[in-house]
Amino acid sequence: MKTCMAVTVERSLFNMIEQLRGREKRSTFVEHLLRLGLEVYQMQMSEGGEVPNGLLTSPNHCMIKGRRGTQMRSRLRK
């Protein structure tokens, strides 16, 4: 099941995504980039790396590994 997520990015980042994605759907390409980035991030953290300032430092967020892969979820419930 998919979830819609709105993200605001700098124009230069948007232009880079547009150039690189070719004929691939934007949402599919961005999802692929997010998965790659999260895999690298988790690998660095498991090797003792530090969280960059402002990234996932809130106690209200956590990385959850489940049967569908790793996902970031908020611990706050609405």
C-alpha atoms as a PDB file:
ATOM      1  CA  MET A   1       0.000   0.000   0.000  1.00  0.00           C
ATOM      2  CA  LYS A   2       1.317   3.445  -0.920  1.00  0.00           C
ATOM      3  CA  THR A   3       1.013   6.673   1.068  1.00  0.00           C
ATOM      4  CA  CYS A   4       0.992  10.150  -0.436  1.00  0.00           C
ATOM      5  CA  MET A   5       3.712  12.417   0.979  1.00  0.00           C
ATOM      6  CA  ALA A   6       4.257  16.054   0.001  1.00  0.00           C
ATOM      7  CA  VAL A   7       7.855  17.296   0.170  1.00  0.00           C
ATOM      8  CA  THR A   8       9.227  20.768  -0.514  1.00  0.00           C
ATOM      9  CA  VAL A   9      12.716  20.816  -2.073  1.00  0.00           C
ATOM     10  CA  GLU A  10      15.057  23.463  -3.433  1.00  0.00           C
ATOM     11  CA  ARG A  11      14.610  24.253  -7.109  1.00  0.00           C
ATOM     12  CA  SER A  12      18.145  23.036  -7.920  1.00  0.00           C
ATOM     13  CA  LEU A  13      17.403  19.629  -6.353  1.00  0.00           C
ATOM     14  CA  PHE A  14      14.132  19.384  -8.283  1.00  0.00           C
ATOM     15  CA  ASN A  15      15.941  20.211 -11.531  1.00  0.00           C
ATOM     16  CA  MET A  16      18.581  17.565 -10.818  1.00  0.00           C
ATOM     17  CA  ILE A  17      15.900  14.934 -10.218  1.00  0.00           C
ATOM     18  CA  GLU A  18      14.163  15.926 -13.441  1.00  0.00           C
ATOM     19  CA  GLN A  19      17.405  15.596 -15.431  1.00  0.00           C
ATOM     20  CA  LEU A  20      18.349  12.242 -13.943  1.00  0.00           C
ATOM     21  CA  ARG A  21      14.997  10.461 -14.007  1.00  0.00           C
ATOM     22  CA  GLY A  22      14.600  10.391 -17.787  1.00  0.00           C
ATOM     23  CA  ARG A  23      11.300   8.710 -18.691  1.00  0.00           C
ATOM     24  CA  GLU A  24      10.831   7.166 -15.239  1.00  0.00           C
ATOM     25  CA  LYS A  25       7.844   8.433 -13.248  1.00  0.00           C
ATOM     26  CA  ARG A  26       8.960  11.112 -10.801  1.00  0.00           C
ATOM     27  CA  SER A  27       7.380   9.390  -7.785  1.00  0.00           C
ATOM     28  CA  THR A  28       9.013   6.053  -8.646  1.00  0.00           C
ATOM     29  CA  PHE A  29      12.415   7.675  -9.113  1.00  0.00           C
ATOM     30  CA  VAL A  30      12.215   9.698  -5.877  1.00  0.00           C
ATOM     31  CA  GLU A  31      11.093   6.602  -3.947  1.00  0.00           C
ATOM     32  CA  HIS A  32      14.143   4.752  -5.326  1.00  0.00           C
ATOM     33  CA  LEU A  33      16.444   7.612  -4.241  1.00  0.00           C
ATOM     34  CA  LEU A  34      14.894   7.641  -0.768  1.00  0.00           C
ATOM     35  CA  ARG A  35      15.432   3.890  -0.383  1.00  0.00           C
ATOM     36  CA  LEU A  36      19.072   4.198  -1.476  1.00  0.00           C
ATOM     37  CA  GLY A  37      19.656   7.136   0.855  1.00  0.00           C
ATOM     38  CA  LEU A  38      18.093   5.365   3.821  1.00  0.00           C
ATOM     39  CA  GLU A  39      20.180   2.241   3.200  1.00  0.00           C
ATOM     40  CA  VAL A  40      23.387   4.302   3.157  1.00  0.00           C
ATOM     41  CA  TYR A  41      22.268   6.257   6.215  1.00  0.00           C
ATOM     42  CA  GLN A  42      21.537   3.088   8.187  1.00  0.00           C
ATOM     43  CA  MET A  43      24.836   1.535   7.152  1.00  0.00           C
ATOM     44  CA  GLN A  44      26.750   4.608   8.345  1.00  0.00           C
ATOM     45  CA  MET A  45      24.859   4.675  11.624  1.00  0.00           C
ATOM     46  CA  SER A  46      25.467   0.968  12.269  1.00  0.00           C
ATOM     47  CA  GLU A  47      29.183   1.584  11.763  1.00  0.00           C
ATOM     48  CA  GLY A  48      29.217   4.191  14.535  1.00  0.00           C
ATOM     49  CA  GLY A  49      28.567   7.246  12.401  1.00  0.00           C
ATOM     50  CA  GLU A  50      26.944  10.343  13.822  1.00  0.00           C
ATOM     51  CA  VAL A  51      23.583  11.790  12.871  1.00  0.00           C
ATOM     52  CA  PRO A  52      24.062  15.050  10.928  1.00  0.00           C
ATOM     53  CA  ASN A  53      22.661  18.094  12.755  1.00  0.00           C
ATOM     54  CA  GLY A  54      18.896  18.328  12.443  1.00  0.00           C
ATOM     55  CA  LEU A  55      18.343  14.840  11.013  1.00  0.00           C
ATOM     56  CA  LEU A  56      16.239  12.358  12.954  1.00  0.00           C
ATOM     57  CA  THR A  57      17.395  13.732  16.293  1.00  0.00           C
ATOM     58  CA  SER A  58      13.865  13.964  17.667  1.00  0.00           C
ATOM     59  CA  PRO A  59      12.857  11.221  20.113  1.00  0.00           C
ATOM     60  CA  ASN A  60       9.498  11.196  18.299  1.00  0.00           C
ATOM     61  CA  HIS A  61      10.942   9.454  15.219  1.00  0.00           C
ATOM     62  CA  CYS A  62      12.421   6.006  14.845  1.00  0.00           C
ATOM     63  CA  MET A  63      13.580   3.600  12.146  1.00  0.00           C
ATOM     64  CA  ILE A  64      11.476   0.452  12.063  1.00  0.00           C
ATOM     65  CA  LYS A  65      12.598  -2.734  10.338  1.00  0.00           C
ATOM     66  CA  GLY A  66       9.704  -4.920   9.345  1.00  0.00           C
ATOM     67  CA  ARG A  67       8.671  -7.456   6.757  1.00  0.00           C
ATOM     68  CA  ARG A  68       8.283  -4.711   4.157  1.00  0.00           C
ATOM     69  CA  GLY A  69      11.764  -3.316   4.749  1.00  0.00           C
ATOM     70  CA  THR A  70      12.914  -0.420   6.845  1.00  0.00           C
ATOM     71  CA  GLN A  71      10.626   2.550   7.340  1.00  0.00           C
ATOM     72  CA  MET A  72      10.777   5.801   9.272  1.00  0.00           C
ATOM     73  CA  ARG A  73       7.746   6.293  11.464  1.00  0.00           C
ATOM     74  CA  SER A  74       6.667   8.936  13.891  1.00  0.00           C
ATOM     75  CA  ARG A  75       6.021   7.718  17.393  1.00  0.00           C
ATOM     76  CA  LEU A  76       3.423  10.422  17.880  1.00  0.00           C
ATOM     77  CA  ARG A  77      -0.122   9.262  17.254  1.00  0.00           C
ATOM     78  CA  LYS A  78      -2.821  11.693  16.151  1.00  0.00           C
END
